[in-house]
Amino acid sequence: MRSEFIGMNVEIQSSGCGHFCGKIVDESKNTFTIHKGDREVIVPKAHSEFLFTYQGESVLIHGSEIQYRPEDRIKKIR
């Protein structure tokens, strides 16, 4: 959860936006912007689950656990 998420591929497990895969192109405190096909989708972190593949392992993260500004996440999660 301390790593940079921009540029990572992610699978959205549950959210109001449905179930899909894409690449994270931007992040704010409350949302991810994900490039999906030929468009970008803004997905709220709250009430969503994200499946990342990091160093060969699949990691399921609840959006409420990472609802920080990207630059503050490293300070808050220890």
PDB file of N, CA and C in Angstrom:
ATOM      1  N   MET A   1       0.823  -1.198   0.000  1.00  0.00           N
ATOM      2  CA  MET A   1       0.000   0.000   0.000  1.00  0.00           C
ATOM      3  C   MET A   1       0.861   1.254   0.000  1.00  0.00           C
ATOM      4  N   ARG A   2       2.145   1.102   0.200  1.00  0.00           N
ATOM      5  CA  ARG A   2       3.025   2.263   0.205  1.00  0.00           C
ATOM      6  C   ARG A   2       3.550   2.625  -1.181  1.00  0.00           C
ATOM      7  N   SER A   3       3.395   1.737  -2.137  1.00  0.00           N
ATOM      8  CA  SER A   3       3.977   1.982  -3.451  1.00  0.00           C
ATOM      9  C   SER A   3       3.141   2.973  -4.263  1.00  0.00           C
ATOM     10  N   GLU A   4       3.722   3.420  -5.341  1.00  0.00           N
ATOM     11  CA  GLU A   4       3.038   4.313  -6.280  1.00  0.00           C
ATOM     12  C   GLU A   4       2.055   3.495  -7.088  1.00  0.00           C
ATOM     13  N   PHE A   5       0.803   3.921  -7.149  1.00  0.00           N
ATOM     14  CA  PHE A   5      -0.212   3.183  -7.879  1.00  0.00           C
ATOM     15  C   PHE A   5      -0.306   3.612  -9.340  1.00  0.00           C
ATOM     16  N   ILE A   6       0.075   4.837  -9.660  1.00  0.00           N
ATOM     17  CA  ILE A   6      -0.019   5.312 -11.040  1.00  0.00           C
ATOM     18  C   ILE A   6       0.884   4.451 -11.922  1.00  0.00           C
ATOM     19  N   GLY A   7       0.310   3.954 -13.000  1.00  0.00           N
ATOM     20  CA  GLY A   7       1.029   3.089 -13.922  1.00  0.00           C
ATOM     21  C   GLY A   7       0.785   1.607 -13.684  1.00  0.00           C
ATOM     22  N   MET A   8       0.176   1.263 -12.551  1.00  0.00           N
ATOM     23  CA  MET A   8      -0.097  -0.143 -12.245  1.00  0.00           C
ATOM     24  C   MET A   8      -1.396  -0.593 -12.902  1.00  0.00           C
ATOM     25  N   ASN A   9      -1.433  -1.851 -13.296  1.00  0.00           N
ATOM     26  CA  ASN A   9      -2.675  -2.458 -13.769  1.00  0.00           C
ATOM     27  C   ASN A   9      -3.483  -2.868 -12.556  1.00  0.00           C
ATOM     28  N   VAL A  10      -4.791  -2.699 -12.656  1.00  0.00           N
ATOM     29  CA  VAL A  10      -5.673  -2.996 -11.535  1.00  0.00           C
ATOM     30  C   VAL A  10      -6.948  -3.632 -12.055  1.00  0.00           C
ATOM     31  N   GLU A  11      -7.516  -4.489 -11.228  1.00  0.00           N
ATOM     32  CA  GLU A  11      -8.818  -5.078 -11.533  1.00  0.00           C
ATOM     33  C   GLU A  11      -9.781  -4.568 -10.462  1.00  0.00           C
ATOM     34  N   ILE A  12     -10.855  -3.936 -10.900  1.00  0.00           N
ATOM     35  CA  ILE A  12     -11.863  -3.427  -9.980  1.00  0.00           C
ATOM     36  C   ILE A  12     -12.760  -4.605  -9.614  1.00  0.00           C
ATOM     37  N   GLN A  13     -12.796  -4.949  -8.344  1.00  0.00           N
ATOM     38  CA  GLN A  13     -13.577  -6.089  -7.881  1.00  0.00           C
ATOM     39  C   GLN A  13     -15.020  -5.703  -7.574  1.00  0.00           C
ATOM     40  N   SER A  14     -15.206  -4.566  -6.928  1.00  0.00           N
ATOM     41  CA  SER A  14     -16.563  -4.122  -6.623  1.00  0.00           C
ATOM     42  C   SER A  14     -16.584  -2.609  -6.496  1.00  0.00           C
ATOM     43  N   SER A  15     -17.539  -2.002  -7.135  1.00  0.00           N
ATOM     44  CA  SER A  15     -17.755  -0.561  -7.046  1.00  0.00           C
ATOM     45  C   SER A  15     -19.044  -0.249  -7.792  1.00  0.00           C
ATOM     46  N   GLY A  16     -19.458   0.995  -7.764  1.00  0.00           N
ATOM     47  CA  GLY A  16     -20.627   1.403  -8.517  1.00  0.00           C
ATOM     48  C   GLY A  16     -20.355   1.442 -10.012  1.00  0.00           C
ATOM     49  N   CYS A  17     -19.079   1.315 -10.400  1.00  0.00           N
ATOM     50  CA  CYS A  17     -18.688   1.376 -11.808  1.00  0.00           C
ATOM     51  C   CYS A  17     -18.642   0.008 -12.468  1.00  0.00           C
ATOM     52  N   GLY A  18     -18.906  -1.043 -11.709  1.00  0.00           N
ATOM     53  CA  GLY A  18     -18.868  -2.381 -12.276  1.00  0.00           C
ATOM     54  C   GLY A  18     -17.525  -3.057 -12.089  1.00  0.00           C
ATOM     55  N   HIS A  19     -17.348  -4.195 -12.750  1.00  0.00           N
ATOM     56  CA  HIS A  19     -16.151  -5.022 -12.649  1.00  0.00           C
ATOM     57  C   HIS A  19     -15.373  -4.895 -13.961  1.00  0.00           C
ATOM     58  N   PHE A  20     -14.139  -4.380 -13.885  1.00  0.00           N
ATOM     59  CA  PHE A  20     -13.323  -4.242 -15.090  1.00  0.00           C
ATOM     60  C   PHE A  20     -11.855  -4.114 -14.731  1.00  0.00           C
ATOM     61  N   CYS A  21     -10.998  -4.168 -15.738  1.00  0.00           N
ATOM     62  CA  CYS A  21      -9.548  -4.039 -15.573  1.00  0.00           C
ATOM     63  C   CYS A  21      -9.072  -2.809 -16.327  1.00  0.00           C
ATOM     64  N   GLY A  22      -7.933  -2.273 -15.897  1.00  0.00           N
ATOM     65  CA  GLY A  22      -7.339  -1.144 -16.586  1.00  0.00           C
ATOM     66  C   GLY A  22      -6.052  -0.719 -15.925  1.00  0.00           C
ATOM     67  N   LYS A  23      -5.502   0.393 -16.405  1.00  0.00           N
ATOM     68  CA  LYS A  23      -4.257   0.931 -15.872  1.00  0.00           C
ATOM     69  C   LYS A  23      -4.549   2.258 -15.181  1.00  0.00           C
ATOM     70  N   ILE A  24      -4.008   2.442 -13.981  1.00  0.00           N
ATOM     71  CA  ILE A  24      -4.210   3.677 -13.236  1.00  0.00           C
ATOM     72  C   ILE A  24      -3.372   4.782 -13.875  1.00  0.00           C
ATOM     73  N   VAL A  25      -4.029   5.882 -14.255  1.00  0.00           N
ATOM     74  CA  VAL A  25      -3.320   6.994 -14.879  1.00  0.00           C
ATOM     75  C   VAL A  25      -3.287   8.233 -13.991  1.00  0.00           C
ATOM     76  N   ASP A  26      -4.113   8.267 -12.940  1.00  0.00           N
ATOM     77  CA  ASP A  26      -4.103   9.401 -12.012  1.00  0.00           C
ATOM     78  C   ASP A  26      -4.725   8.953 -10.702  1.00  0.00           C
ATOM     79  N   GLU A  27      -4.351   9.649  -9.629  1.00  0.00           N
ATOM     80  CA  GLU A  27      -4.882   9.329  -8.311  1.00  0.00           C
ATOM     81  C   GLU A  27      -5.068  10.608  -7.523  1.00  0.00           C
ATOM     82  N   SER A  28      -6.173  10.672  -6.801  1.00  0.00           N
ATOM     83  CA  SER A  28      -6.395  11.753  -5.849  1.00  0.00           C
ATOM     84  C   SER A  28      -6.708  11.102  -4.504  1.00  0.00           C
ATOM     85  N   LYS A  29      -7.044  11.910  -3.529  1.00  0.00           N
ATOM     86  CA  LYS A  29      -7.358  11.379  -2.207  1.00  0.00           C
ATOM     87  C   LYS A  29      -8.520  10.388  -2.274  1.00  0.00           C
ATOM     88  N   ASN A  30      -9.530  10.680  -3.051  1.00  0.00           N
ATOM     89  CA  ASN A  30     -10.754   9.891  -3.052  1.00  0.00           C
ATOM     90  C   ASN A  30     -11.006   9.055  -4.296  1.00  0.00           C
ATOM     91  N   THR A  31     -10.189   9.206  -5.349  1.00  0.00           N
ATOM     92  CA  THR A  31     -10.476   8.507  -6.597  1.00  0.00           C
ATOM     93  C   THR A  31      -9.221   7.998  -7.298  1.00  0.00           C
ATOM     94  N   PHE A  32      -9.430   7.015  -8.164  1.00  0.00           N
ATOM     95  CA  PHE A  32      -8.447   6.596  -9.154  1.00  0.00           C
ATOM     96  C   PHE A  32      -9.031   6.926 -10.518  1.00  0.00           C
ATOM     97  N   THR A  33      -8.205   7.384 -11.439  1.00  0.00           N
ATOM     98  CA  THR A  33      -8.601   7.504 -12.832  1.00  0.00           C
ATOM     99  C   THR A  33      -7.939   6.344 -13.558  1.00  0.00           C
ATOM    100  N   ILE A  34      -8.776   5.529 -14.188  1.00  0.00           N
ATOM    101  CA  ILE A  34      -8.302   4.288 -14.789  1.00  0.00           C
ATOM    102  C   ILE A  34      -8.565   4.317 -16.292  1.00  0.00           C
ATOM    103  N   HIS A  35      -7.508   4.031 -17.056  1.00  0.00           N
ATOM    104  CA  HIS A  35      -7.616   3.945 -18.516  1.00  0.00           C
ATOM    105  C   HIS A  35      -8.166   2.569 -18.855  1.00  0.00           C
ATOM    106  N   LYS A  36      -9.340   2.565 -19.461  1.00  0.00           N
ATOM    107  CA  LYS A  36     -10.028   1.320 -19.806  1.00  0.00           C
ATOM    108  C   LYS A  36     -10.389   1.387 -21.284  1.00  0.00           C
ATOM    109  N   GLY A  37      -9.721   0.590 -22.081  1.00  0.00           N
ATOM    110  CA  GLY A  37      -9.989   0.601 -23.520  1.00  0.00           C
ATOM    111  C   GLY A  37      -9.614   1.927 -24.132  1.00  0.00           C
ATOM    112  N   ASP A  38     -10.595   2.625 -24.689  1.00  0.00           N
ATOM    113  CA  ASP A  38     -10.337   3.911 -25.336  1.00  0.00           C
ATOM    114  C   ASP A  38     -10.843   5.094 -24.514  1.00  0.00           C
ATOM    115  N   ARG A  39     -11.123   4.872 -23.226  1.00  0.00           N
ATOM    116  CA  ARG A  39     -11.619   5.969 -22.383  1.00  0.00           C
ATOM    117  C   ARG A  39     -11.046   5.868 -20.979  1.00  0.00           C
ATOM    118  N   GLU A  40     -11.275   6.908 -20.193  1.00  0.00           N
ATOM    119  CA  GLU A  40     -10.834   6.929 -18.806  1.00  0.00           C
ATOM    120  C   GLU A  40     -12.048   6.952 -17.891  1.00  0.00           C
ATOM    121  N   VAL A  41     -11.976   6.164 -16.828  1.00  0.00           N
ATOM    122  CA  VAL A  41     -13.071   6.043 -15.879  1.00  0.00           C
ATOM    123  C   VAL A  41     -12.577   6.487 -14.514  1.00  0.00           C
ATOM    124  N   ILE A  42     -13.331   7.343 -13.835  1.00  0.00           N
ATOM    125  CA  ILE A  42     -12.991   7.765 -12.488  1.00  0.00           C
ATOM    126  C   ILE A  42     -13.734   6.859 -11.517  1.00  0.00           C
ATOM    127  N   VAL A  43     -12.970   6.170 -10.663  1.00  0.00           N
ATOM    128  CA  VAL A  43     -13.534   5.209  -9.722  1.00  0.00           C
ATOM    129  C   VAL A  43     -13.302   5.721  -8.307  1.00  0.00           C
ATOM    130  N   PRO A  44     -14.360   5.859  -7.513  1.00  0.00           N
ATOM    131  CA  PRO A  44     -14.172   6.292  -6.125  1.00  0.00           C
ATOM    132  C   PRO A  44     -13.489   5.189  -5.312  1.00  0.00           C
ATOM    133  N   LYS A  45     -12.594   5.585  -4.413  1.00  0.00           N
ATOM    134  CA  LYS A  45     -11.916   4.601  -3.566  1.00  0.00           C
ATOM    135  C   LYS A  45     -12.873   4.031  -2.523  1.00  0.00           C
ATOM    136  N   ALA A  46     -13.691   4.900  -1.922  1.00  0.00           N
ATOM    137  CA  ALA A  46     -14.628   4.442  -0.900  1.00  0.00           C
ATOM    138  C   ALA A  46     -15.594   3.438  -1.515  1.00  0.00           C
ATOM    139  N   HIS A  47     -15.886   2.382  -0.797  1.00  0.00           N
ATOM    140  CA  HIS A  47     -16.848   1.358  -1.205  1.00  0.00           C
ATOM    141  C   HIS A  47     -16.387   0.562  -2.430  1.00  0.00           C
ATOM    142  N   SER A  48     -15.090   0.567  -2.732  1.00  0.00           N
ATOM    143  CA  SER A  48     -14.560  -0.204  -3.859  1.00  0.00           C
ATOM    144  C   SER A  48     -13.456  -1.122  -3.370  1.00  0.00           C
ATOM    145  N   GLU A  49     -13.241  -2.202  -4.102  1.00  0.00           N
ATOM    146  CA  GLU A  49     -12.140  -3.116  -3.835  1.00  0.00           C
ATOM    147  C   GLU A  49     -11.285  -3.209  -5.093  1.00  0.00           C
ATOM    148  N   PHE A  50      -9.980  -3.176  -4.902  1.00  0.00           N
ATOM    149  CA  PHE A  50      -9.040  -3.162  -6.012  1.00  0.00           C
ATOM    150  C   PHE A  50      -8.099  -4.352  -5.891  1.00  0.00           C
ATOM    151  N   LEU A  51      -7.917  -5.080  -6.977  1.00  0.00           N
ATOM    152  CA  LEU A  51      -7.000  -6.217  -7.004  1.00  0.00           C
ATOM    153  C   LEU A  51      -5.770  -5.806  -7.812  1.00  0.00           C
ATOM    154  N   PHE A  52      -4.637  -5.699  -7.129  1.00  0.00           N
ATOM    155  CA  PHE A  52      -3.369  -5.338  -7.748  1.00  0.00           C
ATOM    156  C   PHE A  52      -2.500  -6.585  -7.831  1.00  0.00           C
ATOM    157  N   THR A  53      -1.643  -6.654  -8.837  1.00  0.00           N
ATOM    158  CA  THR A  53      -0.604  -7.671  -8.880  1.00  0.00           C
ATOM    159  C   THR A  53       0.703  -6.944  -8.621  1.00  0.00           C
ATOM    160  N   TYR A  54       1.326  -7.274  -7.499  1.00  0.00           N
ATOM    161  CA  TYR A  54       2.536  -6.582  -7.073  1.00  0.00           C
ATOM    162  C   TYR A  54       3.604  -7.618  -6.762  1.00  0.00           C
ATOM    163  N   GLN A  55       4.704  -7.544  -7.456  1.00  0.00           N
ATOM    164  CA  GLN A  55       5.831  -8.466  -7.306  1.00  0.00           C
ATOM    165  C   GLN A  55       5.374  -9.921  -7.387  1.00  0.00           C
ATOM    166  N   GLY A  56       4.497 -10.200  -8.363  1.00  0.00           N
ATOM    167  CA  GLY A  56       4.043 -11.553  -8.615  1.00  0.00           C
ATOM    168  C   GLY A  56       2.927 -12.048  -7.710  1.00  0.00           C
ATOM    169  N   GLU A  57       2.484 -11.230  -6.772  1.00  0.00           N
ATOM    170  CA  GLU A  57       1.415 -11.632  -5.863  1.00  0.00           C
ATOM    171  C   GLU A  57       0.186 -10.764  -6.081  1.00  0.00           C
ATOM    172  N   SER A  58      -0.985 -11.369  -5.970  1.00  0.00           N
ATOM    173  CA  SER A  58      -2.236 -10.616  -6.059  1.00  0.00           C
ATOM    174  C   SER A  58      -2.582 -10.067  -4.684  1.00  0.00           C
ATOM    175  N   VAL A  59      -2.903  -8.778  -4.642  1.00  0.00           N
ATOM    176  CA  VAL A  59      -3.205  -8.110  -3.380  1.00  0.00           C
ATOM    177  C   VAL A  59      -4.552  -7.417  -3.518  1.00  0.00           C
ATOM    178  N   LEU A  60      -5.496  -7.774  -2.665  1.00  0.00           N
ATOM    179  CA  LEU A  60      -6.813  -7.149  -2.651  1.00  0.00           C
ATOM    180  C   LEU A  60      -6.808  -6.041  -1.611  1.00  0.00           C
ATOM    181  N   ILE A  61      -7.139  -4.823  -2.042  1.00  0.00           N
ATOM    182  CA  ILE A  61      -7.128  -3.668  -1.146  1.00  0.00           C
ATOM    183  C   ILE A  61      -8.489  -3.000  -1.165  1.00  0.00           C
ATOM    184  N   HIS A  62      -9.025  -2.744   0.006  1.00  0.00           N
ATOM    185  CA  HIS A  62     -10.271  -1.992   0.128  1.00  0.00           C
ATOM    186  C   HIS A  62      -9.933  -0.507  -0.012  1.00  0.00           C
ATOM    187  N   GLY A  63     -10.694   0.194  -0.810  1.00  0.00           N
ATOM    188  CA  GLY A  63     -10.418   1.594  -1.085  1.00  0.00           C
ATOM    189  C   GLY A  63     -10.357   2.472   0.149  1.00  0.00           C
ATOM    190  N   SER A  64     -11.141   2.155   1.165  1.00  0.00           N
ATOM    191  CA  SER A  64     -11.131   2.961   2.389  1.00  0.00           C
ATOM    192  C   SER A  64      -9.788   2.879   3.110  1.00  0.00           C
ATOM    193  N   GLU A  65      -9.004   1.821   2.860  1.00  0.00           N
ATOM    194  CA  GLU A  65      -7.686   1.674   3.485  1.00  0.00           C
ATOM    195  C   GLU A  65      -6.634   2.572   2.848  1.00  0.00           C
ATOM    196  N   ILE A  66      -6.892   3.052   1.634  1.00  0.00           N
ATOM    197  CA  ILE A  66      -5.904   3.875   0.921  1.00  0.00           C
ATOM    198  C   ILE A  66      -6.481   5.241   0.572  1.00  0.00           C
ATOM    199  N   GLN A  67      -7.449   5.688   1.333  1.00  0.00           N
ATOM    200  CA  GLN A  67      -8.124   6.952   1.043  1.00  0.00           C
ATOM    201  C   GLN A  67      -7.332   8.118   1.630  1.00  0.00           C
ATOM    202  N   TYR A  68      -6.139   8.287   1.109  1.00  0.00           N
ATOM    203  CA  TYR A  68      -5.240   9.376   1.472  1.00  0.00           C
ATOM    204  C   TYR A  68      -4.739  10.016   0.189  1.00  0.00           C
ATOM    205  N   ARG A  69      -4.209  11.225   0.320  1.00  0.00           N
ATOM    206  CA  ARG A  69      -3.517  11.805  -0.826  1.00  0.00           C
ATOM    207  C   ARG A  69      -2.300  10.933  -1.089  1.00  0.00           C
ATOM    208  N   PRO A  70      -1.945  10.731  -2.349  1.00  0.00           N
ATOM    209  CA  PRO A  70      -0.814   9.838  -2.650  1.00  0.00           C
ATOM    210  C   PRO A  70       0.459  10.214  -1.906  1.00  0.00           C
ATOM    211  N   GLU A  71       0.732  11.495  -1.787  1.00  0.00           N
ATOM    212  CA  GLU A  71       1.962  11.923  -1.119  1.00  0.00           C
ATOM    213  C   GLU A  71       1.920  11.717   0.387  1.00  0.00           C
ATOM    214  N   ASP A  72       0.721  11.570   0.976  1.00  0.00           N
ATOM    215  CA  ASP A  72       0.593  11.353   2.418  1.00  0.00           C
ATOM    216  C   ASP A  72       0.492   9.884   2.790  1.00  0.00           C
ATOM    217  N   ARG A  73       0.223   9.027   1.825  1.00  0.00           N
ATOM    218  CA  ARG A  73      -0.012   7.616   2.119  1.00  0.00           C
ATOM    219  C   ARG A  73       1.186   6.964   2.812  1.00  0.00           C
ATOM    220  N   ILE A  74       2.386   7.257   2.386  1.00  0.00           N
ATOM    221  CA  ILE A  74       3.573   6.650   2.973  1.00  0.00           C
ATOM    222  C   ILE A  74       3.717   7.056   4.433  1.00  0.00           C
ATOM    223  N   LYS A  75       3.383   8.286   4.760  1.00  0.00           N
ATOM    224  CA  LYS A  75       3.482   8.763   6.146  1.00  0.00           C
ATOM    225  C   LYS A  75       2.460   8.087   7.052  1.00  0.00           C
ATOM    226  N   LYS A  76       1.234   7.862   6.542  1.00  0.00           N
ATOM    227  CA  LYS A  76       0.143   7.377   7.384  1.00  0.00           C
ATOM    228  C   LYS A  76       0.126   5.868   7.555  1.00  0.00           C
ATOM    229  N   ILE A  77       0.538   5.118   6.547  1.00  0.00           N
ATOM    230  CA  ILE A  77       0.494   3.664   6.610  1.00  0.00           C
ATOM    231  C   ILE A  77       1.866   3.156   6.987  1.00  0.00           C
ATOM    232  N   ARG A  78       1.977   2.592   8.151  1.00  0.00           N
ATOM    233  CA  ARG A  78       3.268   2.060   8.639  1.00  0.00           C
ATOM    234  C   ARG A  78       3.101   0.665   9.142  1.00  0.00           C
TER     235      ARG A  78
END
